C-alpha atoms as a PDB file:
ATOM      1  CA  UNK A   1       8.306  35.003 -10.767  1.00  0.00           C
ATOM      2  CA  UNK A   2       6.109  33.330 -13.377  1.00  0.00           C
ATOM      3  CA  UNK A   3       5.693  29.560 -13.257  1.00  0.00           C
ATOM      4  CA  UNK A   4       7.546  27.371 -15.690  1.00  0.00           C
ATOM      5  CA  UNK A   5       5.035  25.976 -18.212  1.00  0.00           C
ATOM      6  CA  UNK A   6       5.467  22.499 -19.685  1.00  0.00           C
ATOM      7  CA  UNK A   7       3.473  21.408 -22.709  1.00  0.00           C
ATOM      8  CA  UNK A   8       5.550  18.545 -24.099  1.00  0.00           C
ATOM      9  CA  UNK A   9       5.065  15.009 -22.725  1.00  0.00           C
ATOM     10  CA  UNK A  10       8.745  14.337 -23.507  1.00  0.00           C
ATOM     11  CA  UNK A  11      10.005  17.175 -21.319  1.00  0.00           C
ATOM     12  CA  UNK A  12      13.052  16.009 -19.279  1.00  0.00           C
ATOM     13  CA  UNK A  13      11.472  17.182 -16.032  1.00  0.00           C
ATOM     14  CA  UNK A  14       8.476  14.919 -16.603  1.00  0.00           C
ATOM     15  CA  UNK A  15      10.827  12.052 -17.376  1.00  0.00           C
ATOM     16  CA  UNK A  16      12.492  12.705 -14.018  1.00  0.00           C
ATOM     17  CA  UNK A  17       9.072  12.447 -12.357  1.00  0.00           C
ATOM     18  CA  UNK A  18       8.471   9.101 -14.048  1.00  0.00           C
ATOM     19  CA  UNK A  19      11.861   7.882 -12.820  1.00  0.00           C
ATOM     20  CA  UNK A  20      10.718   8.380  -9.207  1.00  0.00           C
ATOM     21  CA  UNK A  21       8.280   5.529  -9.685  1.00  0.00           C
ATOM     22  CA  UNK A  22      11.310   3.247  -9.369  1.00  0.00           C
ATOM     23  CA  UNK A  23      12.474   2.349  -5.860  1.00  0.00           C
ATOM     24  CA  UNK A  24      16.142   2.601  -6.802  1.00  0.00           C
ATOM     25  CA  UNK A  25      15.690   6.188  -7.977  1.00  0.00           C
ATOM     26  CA  UNK A  26      13.760   7.089  -4.828  1.00  0.00           C
ATOM     27  CA  UNK A  27      16.494   5.663  -2.635  1.00  0.00           C
ATOM     28  CA  UNK A  28      19.286   7.324  -4.624  1.00  0.00           C
ATOM     29  CA  UNK A  29      17.646  10.751  -4.633  1.00  0.00           C
ATOM     30  CA  UNK A  30      15.863  10.677  -1.272  1.00  0.00           C
ATOM     31  CA  UNK A  31      12.682  11.834  -2.973  1.00  0.00           C
ATOM     32  CA  UNK A  32       9.242  10.449  -3.774  1.00  0.00           C
ATOM     33  CA  UNK A  33       5.964  11.535  -5.345  1.00  0.00           C
ATOM     34  CA  UNK A  34       2.566  12.550  -4.045  1.00  0.00           C
ATOM     35  CA  UNK A  35      -0.146  12.432  -6.682  1.00  0.00           C
ATOM     36  CA  UNK A  36      -3.627  13.735  -5.978  1.00  0.00           C
ATOM     37  CA  UNK A  37      -5.005  16.837  -4.289  1.00  0.00           C
ATOM     38  CA  UNK A  38      -6.417  15.008  -1.261  1.00  0.00           C
ATOM     39  CA  UNK A  39      -3.112  13.265  -0.562  1.00  0.00           C
ATOM     40  CA  UNK A  40      -1.186  16.494  -1.087  1.00  0.00           C
ATOM     41  CA  UNK A  41      -3.488  18.395   1.282  1.00  0.00           C
ATOM     42  CA  UNK A  42      -2.962  15.856   4.069  1.00  0.00           C
ATOM     43  CA  UNK A  43       0.808  15.972   3.586  1.00  0.00           C
ATOM     44  CA  UNK A  44       0.804  19.779   3.655  1.00  0.00           C
ATOM     45  CA  UNK A  45      -1.278  19.666   6.824  1.00  0.00           C
ATOM     46  CA  UNK A  46       1.336  17.367   8.371  1.00  0.00           C
ATOM     47  CA  UNK A  47       4.031  19.946   7.676  1.00  0.00           C
ATOM     48  CA  UNK A  48       5.528  18.448   4.511  1.00  0.00           C
ATOM     49  CA  UNK A  49       6.974  21.096   2.193  1.00  0.00           C
ATOM     50  CA  UNK A  50       7.297  19.873  -1.416  1.00  0.00           C
ATOM     51  CA  UNK A  51      10.431  20.535  -3.404  1.00  0.00           C
ATOM     52  CA  UNK A  52       8.295  21.131  -6.482  1.00  0.00           C
ATOM     53  CA  UNK A  53       4.591  21.082  -7.334  1.00  0.00           C
ATOM     54  CA  UNK A  54       3.368  20.190 -10.818  1.00  0.00           C
ATOM     55  CA  UNK A  55      -0.230  21.174 -11.508  1.00  0.00           C
ATOM     56  CA  UNK A  56      -2.681  21.157 -14.407  1.00  0.00           C
ATOM     57  CA  UNK A  57      -5.536  23.702 -14.224  1.00  0.00           C
ATOM     58  CA  UNK A  58      -7.504  21.784 -16.865  1.00  0.00           C
ATOM     59  CA  UNK A  59      -7.732  18.727 -14.591  1.00  0.00           C
ATOM     60  CA  UNK A  60      -8.567  20.495 -11.333  1.00  0.00           C
ATOM     61  CA  UNK A  61     -11.889  19.487  -9.800  1.00  0.00           C
ATOM     62  CA  UNK A  62     -12.293  22.724  -7.825  1.00  0.00           C
ATOM     63  CA  UNK A  63     -10.070  25.293  -9.570  1.00  0.00           C
ATOM     64  CA  UNK A  64     -10.897  28.260  -7.337  1.00  0.00           C
ATOM     65  CA  UNK A  65      -9.905  26.669  -4.022  1.00  0.00           C
ATOM     66  CA  UNK A  66      -7.161  24.500  -5.482  1.00  0.00           C
ATOM     67  CA  UNK A  67      -5.458  27.449  -7.182  1.00  0.00           C
ATOM     68  CA  UNK A  68      -5.279  29.036  -3.721  1.00  0.00           C
ATOM     69  CA  UNK A  69      -3.285  26.032  -2.500  1.00  0.00           C
ATOM     70  CA  UNK A  70      -0.881  26.469  -5.426  1.00  0.00           C
ATOM     71  CA  UNK A  71      -0.502  30.142  -4.461  1.00  0.00           C
ATOM     72  CA  UNK A  72       0.132  29.221  -0.818  1.00  0.00           C
ATOM     73  CA  UNK A  73       2.909  26.728  -1.533  1.00  0.00           C
ATOM     74  CA  UNK A  74       4.444  29.156  -4.044  1.00  0.00           C
ATOM     75  CA  UNK A  75       4.610  31.794  -1.295  1.00  0.00           C
ATOM     76  CA  UNK A  76       6.331  29.202   0.897  1.00  0.00           C
ATOM     77  CA  UNK A  77       9.120  29.008  -1.666  1.00  0.00           C
ATOM     78  CA  UNK A  78       8.021  25.847  -3.460  1.00  0.00           C
ATOM     79  CA  UNK A  79       8.716  25.750  -7.181  1.00  0.00           C
ATOM     80  CA  UNK A  80       5.369  25.488  -9.003  1.00  0.00           C
ATOM     81  CA  UNK A  81       5.214  24.170 -12.557  1.00  0.00           C
ATOM     82  CA  UNK A  82       2.135  24.411 -14.775  1.00  0.00           C
ATOM     83  CA  UNK A  83       1.663  21.420 -17.064  1.00  0.00           C
ATOM     84  CA  UNK A  84      -0.646  20.994 -20.049  1.00  0.00           C
ATOM     85  CA  UNK A  85      -3.321  18.317 -19.858  1.00  0.00           C
ATOM     86  CA  UNK A  86      -1.681  16.055 -22.444  1.00  0.00           C
ATOM     87  CA  UNK A  87       1.705  16.262 -20.772  1.00  0.00           C
ATOM     88  CA  UNK A  88       0.287  15.820 -17.260  1.00  0.00           C
ATOM     89  CA  UNK A  89      -1.729  12.739 -18.201  1.00  0.00           C
ATOM     90  CA  UNK A  90       1.435  11.203 -19.613  1.00  0.00           C
ATOM     91  CA  UNK A  91       3.375  11.964 -16.426  1.00  0.00           C
ATOM     92  CA  UNK A  92       0.657  10.761 -14.041  1.00  0.00           C
ATOM     93  CA  UNK A  93       0.931   7.188 -12.745  1.00  0.00           C
ATOM     94  CA  UNK A  94      -2.764   6.656 -12.037  1.00  0.00           C
ATOM     95  CA  UNK A  95      -5.860   6.770 -14.199  1.00  0.00           C
ATOM     96  CA  UNK A  96      -8.088   9.821 -13.932  1.00  0.00           C
ATOM     97  CA  UNK A  97      -5.491  12.229 -12.458  1.00  0.00           C
ATOM     98  CA  UNK A  98      -6.837  15.364 -10.772  1.00  0.00           C
ATOM     99  CA  UNK A  99      -3.998  17.677 -11.736  1.00  0.00           C
ATOM    100  CA  UNK A 100      -1.506  17.515  -8.857  1.00  0.00           C
ATOM    101  CA  UNK A 101       1.889  15.840  -8.520  1.00  0.00           C
ATOM    102  CA  UNK A 102       4.390  16.942  -5.870  1.00  0.00           C
ATOM    103  CA  UNK A 103       8.012  15.953  -5.370  1.00  0.00           C
ATOM    104  CA  UNK A 104       8.719  15.555  -1.643  1.00  0.00           C
ATOM    105  CA  UNK A 105      11.506  14.177   0.559  1.00  0.00           C
ATOM    106  CA  UNK A 106      11.207  10.435   1.141  1.00  0.00           C
ATOM    107  CA  UNK A 107      10.130   9.106   4.513  1.00  0.00           C
ATOM    108  CA  UNK A 108      13.309   7.351   5.675  1.00  0.00           C
ATOM    109  CA  UNK A 109      13.546   6.536   9.367  1.00  0.00           C
ATOM    110  CA  UNK A 110      14.736   3.671  11.568  1.00  0.00           C
ATOM    111  CA  UNK A 111      13.099   2.530  14.807  1.00  0.00           C
ATOM    112  CA  UNK A 112      15.736   4.346  16.860  1.00  0.00           C
ATOM    113  CA  UNK A 113      14.450   7.643  15.434  1.00  0.00           C
ATOM    114  CA  UNK A 114      10.863   7.074  16.576  1.00  0.00           C
ATOM    115  CA  UNK A 115       9.464   8.781  19.655  1.00  0.00           C
ATOM    116  CA  UNK A 116       6.466   7.192  21.383  1.00  0.00           C
ATOM    117  CA  UNK A 117       4.584   7.773  24.608  1.00  0.00           C
ATOM    118  CA  UNK A 118       4.384   5.545  27.696  1.00  0.00           C
ATOM    119  CA  UNK A 119       1.170   3.818  26.550  1.00  0.00           C
ATOM    120  CA  UNK A 120       1.888   3.747  22.848  1.00  0.00           C
ATOM    121  CA  UNK A 121      -0.289   1.858  20.387  1.00  0.00           C
ATOM    122  CA  UNK A 122       1.987   0.814  17.525  1.00  0.00           C
ATOM    123  CA  UNK A 123       1.710  -1.456  14.494  1.00  0.00           C
ATOM    124  CA  UNK A 124       4.366  -3.854  13.219  1.00  0.00           C
ATOM    125  CA  UNK A 125       4.146  -5.055   9.610  1.00  0.00           C
ATOM    126  CA  UNK A 126       6.678  -7.787   8.882  1.00  0.00           C
ATOM    127  CA  UNK A 127       7.542  -8.538   5.276  1.00  0.00           C
ATOM    128  CA  UNK A 128       4.272  -7.162   3.869  1.00  0.00           C
ATOM    129  CA  UNK A 129       4.687  -7.123   0.099  1.00  0.00           C
ATOM    130  CA  UNK A 130       1.838  -5.141  -1.411  1.00  0.00           C
ATOM    131  CA  UNK A 131       2.020  -1.340  -1.211  1.00  0.00           C
ATOM    132  CA  UNK A 132      -1.776  -1.197  -1.161  1.00  0.00           C
ATOM    133  CA  UNK A 133      -1.901  -3.285   2.013  1.00  0.00           C
ATOM    134  CA  UNK A 134       0.689  -1.141   3.786  1.00  0.00           C
ATOM    135  CA  UNK A 135      -1.167   1.974   2.686  1.00  0.00           C
ATOM    136  CA  UNK A 136      -4.481   0.635   3.946  1.00  0.00           C
ATOM    137  CA  UNK A 137      -2.921  -0.222   7.315  1.00  0.00           C
ATOM    138  CA  UNK A 138      -1.547   3.305   7.545  1.00  0.00           C
ATOM    139  CA  UNK A 139      -5.025   4.747   7.033  1.00  0.00           C
ATOM    140  CA  UNK A 140      -6.301   2.525   9.839  1.00  0.00           C
ATOM    141  CA  UNK A 141      -3.381   3.474  12.074  1.00  0.00           C
ATOM    142  CA  UNK A 142      -4.033   7.156  11.432  1.00  0.00           C
ATOM    143  CA  UNK A 143      -7.743   6.796  12.196  1.00  0.00           C
ATOM    144  CA  UNK A 144      -7.005   4.801  15.358  1.00  0.00           C
ATOM    145  CA  UNK A 145      -4.446   7.271  16.669  1.00  0.00           C
ATOM    146  CA  UNK A 146      -1.525   4.845  16.518  1.00  0.00           C
ATOM    147  CA  UNK A 147       1.771   6.474  17.409  1.00  0.00           C
ATOM    148  CA  UNK A 148       3.936   4.594  14.913  1.00  0.00           C
ATOM    149  CA  UNK A 149       3.937   1.962  12.178  1.00  0.00           C
ATOM    150  CA  UNK A 150       7.092  -0.077  11.603  1.00  0.00           C
ATOM    151  CA  UNK A 151       7.867  -2.111   8.496  1.00  0.00           C
ATOM    152  CA  UNK A 152      10.198  -4.924   9.585  1.00  0.00           C
ATOM    153  CA  UNK A 153      12.266  -6.478   6.796  1.00  0.00           C
ATOM    154  CA  UNK A 154      10.199  -4.492   4.299  1.00  0.00           C
ATOM    155  CA  UNK A 155       9.657  -5.677   0.752  1.00  0.00           C
ATOM    156  CA  UNK A 156       8.485  -2.255  -0.410  1.00  0.00           C
ATOM    157  CA  UNK A 157       9.462   1.235   0.718  1.00  0.00           C
ATOM    158  CA  UNK A 158       7.326   3.921   2.374  1.00  0.00           C
ATOM    159  CA  UNK A 159       7.870   6.197  -0.624  1.00  0.00           C
ATOM    160  CA  UNK A 160       6.268   3.830  -3.138  1.00  0.00           C
ATOM    161  CA  UNK A 161       3.747   6.044  -5.003  1.00  0.00           C
ATOM    162  CA  UNK A 162       1.101   3.325  -4.825  1.00  0.00           C
ATOM    163  CA  UNK A 163       1.596   3.134  -1.052  1.00  0.00           C
ATOM    164  CA  UNK A 164       1.338   6.919  -0.758  1.00  0.00           C
ATOM    165  CA  UNK A 165      -1.869   6.796  -2.769  1.00  0.00           C
ATOM    166  CA  UNK A 166      -3.374   3.866  -0.828  1.00  0.00           C
ATOM    167  CA  UNK A 167      -2.547   5.613   2.443  1.00  0.00           C
ATOM    168  CA  UNK A 168      -4.332   8.773   1.224  1.00  0.00           C
ATOM    169  CA  UNK A 169      -1.220  10.635   2.312  1.00  0.00           C
ATOM    170  CA  UNK A 170      -1.270   9.359   5.908  1.00  0.00           C
ATOM    171  CA  UNK A 171       2.289   8.081   5.389  1.00  0.00           C
ATOM    172  CA  UNK A 172       3.178  11.704   6.144  1.00  0.00           C
ATOM    173  CA  UNK A 173       0.933  12.075   9.193  1.00  0.00           C
ATOM    174  CA  UNK A 174       1.740   8.819  11.043  1.00  0.00           C
ATOM    175  CA  UNK A 175       5.378   8.297  12.128  1.00  0.00           C
ATOM    176  CA  UNK A 176       6.710   5.358  10.105  1.00  0.00           C
ATOM    177  CA  UNK A 177       9.998   3.477  10.142  1.00  0.00           C
ATOM    178  CA  UNK A 178      11.752   0.622   8.368  1.00  0.00           C
ATOM    179  CA  UNK A 179      14.156  -1.698  10.127  1.00  0.00           C
ATOM    180  CA  UNK A 180      15.284  -5.281  10.453  1.00  0.00           C
ATOM    181  CA  UNK A 181      13.104  -7.622  12.480  1.00  0.00           C
ATOM    182  CA  UNK A 182      15.870  -8.072  15.050  1.00  0.00           C
ATOM    183  CA  UNK A 183      16.327  -4.321  15.566  1.00  0.00           C
ATOM    184  CA  UNK A 184      12.578  -3.786  15.699  1.00  0.00           C
ATOM    185  CA  UNK A 185      12.204  -6.344  18.495  1.00  0.00           C
ATOM    186  CA  UNK A 186      15.072  -4.727  20.418  1.00  0.00           C
ATOM    187  CA  UNK A 187      13.339  -1.339  20.070  1.00  0.00           C
ATOM    188  CA  UNK A 188      10.043  -2.759  21.367  1.00  0.00           C
ATOM    189  CA  UNK A 189      11.779  -4.254  24.399  1.00  0.00           C
ATOM    190  CA  UNK A 190      13.650  -1.026  25.104  1.00  0.00           C
ATOM    191  CA  UNK A 191      10.347   0.851  25.243  1.00  0.00           C
ATOM    192  CA  UNK A 192       8.494  -1.785  27.248  1.00  0.00           C
ATOM    193  CA  UNK A 193       6.042  -2.416  24.413  1.00  0.00           C
ATOM    194  CA  UNK A 194       4.269  -5.782  24.565  1.00  0.00           C
ATOM    195  CA  UNK A 195       4.029  -7.591  21.247  1.00  0.00           C
ATOM    196  CA  UNK A 196       0.677  -9.042  20.163  1.00  0.00           C
ATOM    197  CA  UNK A 197       1.199 -11.334  17.165  1.00  0.00           C
ATOM    198  CA  UNK A 198      -1.631 -12.380  14.868  1.00  0.00           C
ATOM    199  CA  UNK A 199      -1.624 -16.028  13.802  1.00  0.00           C
ATOM    200  CA  UNK A 200      -4.212 -18.714  13.112  1.00  0.00           C
ATOM    201  CA  UNK A 201      -2.182 -21.189  15.185  1.00  0.00           C
ATOM    202  CA  UNK A 202      -3.431 -20.258  18.641  1.00  0.00           C
ATOM    203  CA  UNK A 203      -6.553 -20.660  20.764  1.00  0.00           C
ATOM    204  CA  UNK A 204      -6.396 -17.128  22.191  1.00  0.00           C
ATOM    205  CA  UNK A 205      -8.941 -14.784  20.580  1.00  0.00           C
ATOM    206  CA  UNK A 206      -7.908 -11.243  19.757  1.00  0.00           C
ATOM    207  CA  UNK A 207     -10.615  -9.940  22.080  1.00  0.00           C
ATOM    208  CA  UNK A 208      -9.143 -11.751  25.113  1.00  0.00           C
ATOM    209  CA  UNK A 209      -6.012  -9.633  25.442  1.00  0.00           C
ATOM    210  CA  UNK A 210      -5.513  -6.362  27.342  1.00  0.00           C
ATOM    211  CA  UNK A 211      -4.468  -3.640  24.899  1.00  0.00           C
ATOM    212  CA  UNK A 212      -4.721  -0.694  27.274  1.00  0.00           C
ATOM    213  CA  UNK A 213      -0.972  -0.489  27.959  1.00  0.00           C
ATOM    214  CA  UNK A 214       1.952  -0.019  25.570  1.00  0.00           C
ATOM    215  CA  UNK A 215       1.366  -2.557  22.825  1.00  0.00           C
ATOM    216  CA  UNK A 216       2.433  -3.375  19.273  1.00  0.00           C
ATOM    217  CA  UNK A 217       0.048  -5.283  17.021  1.00  0.00           C
ATOM    218  CA  UNK A 218       1.991  -7.411  14.539  1.00  0.00           C
ATOM    219  CA  UNK A 219       0.873  -8.777  11.179  1.00  0.00           C
ATOM    220  CA  UNK A 220       2.976 -10.678   8.700  1.00  0.00           C
ATOM    221  CA  UNK A 221       3.493 -11.251   5.004  1.00  0.00           C
ATOM    222  CA  UNK A 222       0.423 -11.927   2.886  1.00  0.00           C
ATOM    223  CA  UNK A 223       1.382 -15.511   2.052  1.00  0.00           C
ATOM    224  CA  UNK A 224       3.328 -16.756   5.063  1.00  0.00           C
ATOM    225  CA  UNK A 225       2.324 -14.546   7.993  1.00  0.00           C
ATOM    226  CA  UNK A 226       4.733 -13.725  10.814  1.00  0.00           C
ATOM    227  CA  UNK A 227       8.064 -15.499  11.139  1.00  0.00           C
ATOM    228  CA  UNK A 228       8.950 -17.821  14.007  1.00  0.00           C
ATOM    229  CA  UNK A 229      11.288 -15.099  15.314  1.00  0.00           C
ATOM    230  CA  UNK A 230       8.399 -12.696  15.892  1.00  0.00           C
ATOM    231  CA  UNK A 231       6.011 -15.350  17.170  1.00  0.00           C
ATOM    232  CA  UNK A 232       8.579 -16.522  19.721  1.00  0.00           C
ATOM    233  CA  UNK A 233       9.026 -12.935  20.913  1.00  0.00           C
ATOM    234  CA  UNK A 234       5.312 -12.231  21.308  1.00  0.00           C
ATOM    235  CA  UNK A 235       3.743 -11.662  24.700  1.00  0.00           C
ATOM    236  CA  UNK A 236       0.477 -12.874  23.169  1.00  0.00           C
ATOM    237  CA  UNK A 237      -0.386 -14.803  20.025  1.00  0.00           C
ATOM    238  CA  UNK A 238      -3.975 -14.089  18.964  1.00  0.00           C
ATOM    239  CA  UNK A 239      -6.380 -15.183  16.265  1.00  0.00           C
ATOM    240  CA  UNK A 240      -9.455 -13.646  14.712  1.00  0.00           C
ATOM    241  CA  UNK A 241     -12.411 -16.073  14.732  1.00  0.00           C
ATOM    242  CA  UNK A 242     -13.255 -17.475  11.293  1.00  0.00           C
ATOM    243  CA  UNK A 243     -16.502 -19.338  10.582  1.00  0.00           C
ATOM    244  CA  UNK A 244     -16.591 -19.239   6.787  1.00  0.00           C
ATOM    245  CA  UNK A 245     -14.838 -21.412   4.242  1.00  0.00           C
ATOM    246  CA  UNK A 246     -11.912 -19.037   3.668  1.00  0.00           C
ATOM    247  CA  UNK A 247      -9.081 -19.723   6.087  1.00  0.00           C
ATOM    248  CA  UNK A 248      -7.624 -16.219   6.205  1.00  0.00           C
ATOM    249  CA  UNK A 249      -8.405 -12.518   5.894  1.00  0.00           C
ATOM    250  CA  UNK A 250      -6.579  -9.862   3.928  1.00  0.00           C
ATOM    251  CA  UNK A 251      -3.647  -8.671   6.064  1.00  0.00           C
ATOM    252  CA  UNK A 252      -4.882  -5.073   6.145  1.00  0.00           C
ATOM    253  CA  UNK A 253      -8.327  -6.266   7.235  1.00  0.00           C
ATOM    254  CA  UNK A 254      -6.816  -8.422   9.979  1.00  0.00           C
ATOM    255  CA  UNK A 255      -4.765  -5.498  11.231  1.00  0.00           C
ATOM    256  CA  UNK A 256      -7.814  -3.221  11.269  1.00  0.00           C
ATOM    257  CA  UNK A 257      -9.882  -5.696  13.312  1.00  0.00           C
ATOM    258  CA  UNK A 258      -7.237  -6.064  16.011  1.00  0.00           C
ATOM    259  CA  UNK A 259      -6.298  -2.370  16.028  1.00  0.00           C
ATOM    260  CA  UNK A 260      -9.908  -1.393  16.608  1.00  0.00           C
ATOM    261  CA  UNK A 261     -10.265  -3.880  19.436  1.00  0.00           C
ATOM    262  CA  UNK A 262      -7.411  -1.955  21.026  1.00  0.00           C
ATOM    263  CA  UNK A 263      -9.205   1.322  20.309  1.00  0.00           C
ATOM    264  CA  UNK A 264     -12.403  -0.054  21.892  1.00  0.00           C
ATOM    265  CA  UNK A 265     -10.602  -1.156  25.034  1.00  0.00           C
ATOM    266  CA  UNK A 266      -8.671   2.074  25.362  1.00  0.00           C
ATOM    267  CA  UNK A 267     -11.844   4.100  24.958  1.00  0.00           C
ATOM    268  CA  UNK A 268     -13.625   2.065  27.616  1.00  0.00           C
ATOM    269  CA  UNK A 269     -10.665   2.440  29.977  1.00  0.00           C
ATOM    270  CA  UNK A 270     -10.420   6.215  29.570  1.00  0.00           C
ATOM    271  CA  UNK A 271     -11.939   8.289  32.401  1.00  0.00           C
ATOM    272  CA  UNK A 272     -15.274   9.950  31.664  1.00  0.00           C
ATOM    273  CA  UNK A 273     -15.018  13.708  31.001  1.00  0.00           C
ATOM    274  CA  UNK A 274     -15.879  15.986  33.909  1.00  0.00           C
ATOM    275  CA  UNK A 275     -19.180  17.863  33.712  1.00  0.00           C
END
């Protein structure tokens, strides 16, 4: 069957795409957007099957190989819609679009739906406001092999298109969940996961903690940090040494520093491969 072709920027289907930029619409429909070929490729590799794929041949950076991806998802039963350049640029939510927007099911999951191993490395983000920061932490979690990332009392949702973009699509490759702080702490206890809370109000350096067992690294809201509830629950409260004039780091940067200390320790603790 031939693809539907859209040439008008005012087409109702493109208006429906624009509506998914709003959190309320995403929550009501259970859908979100992936924009960008790289992000789409990672999601497809993680087993995500779009409900619809909108593409613009005029904007493709590598038409030969990218057209093959369109053919592949079409064979998988995905509706594929060809869009003119003018109409696509109006529908796109970022500057310099590369010709791909997919409608996919939203990532909606609570802690109770997560499955982790006996020595899980997890990340807890409490009240983080900026989608870009959550997305950046997801990229770090993916690179570090974290088994889950939990947003406790989230201000934004995992389907926010800016979060999807900042995560480079890793929101679909790393198990994520949203839950209340109280339920998140109960879940950690139930799985025997020690909580390591980042805060400037401690003398314990982040390098002086053992991360080789089941552990959750917690970071808080950009302005206020972690709440007293999380700090009181922590097995360890750690700080990153600061010698400059700024008194804090970006939350995603802080998370990356502590996560990679855990990666370093876990790598050093792993047995050497047999020869």
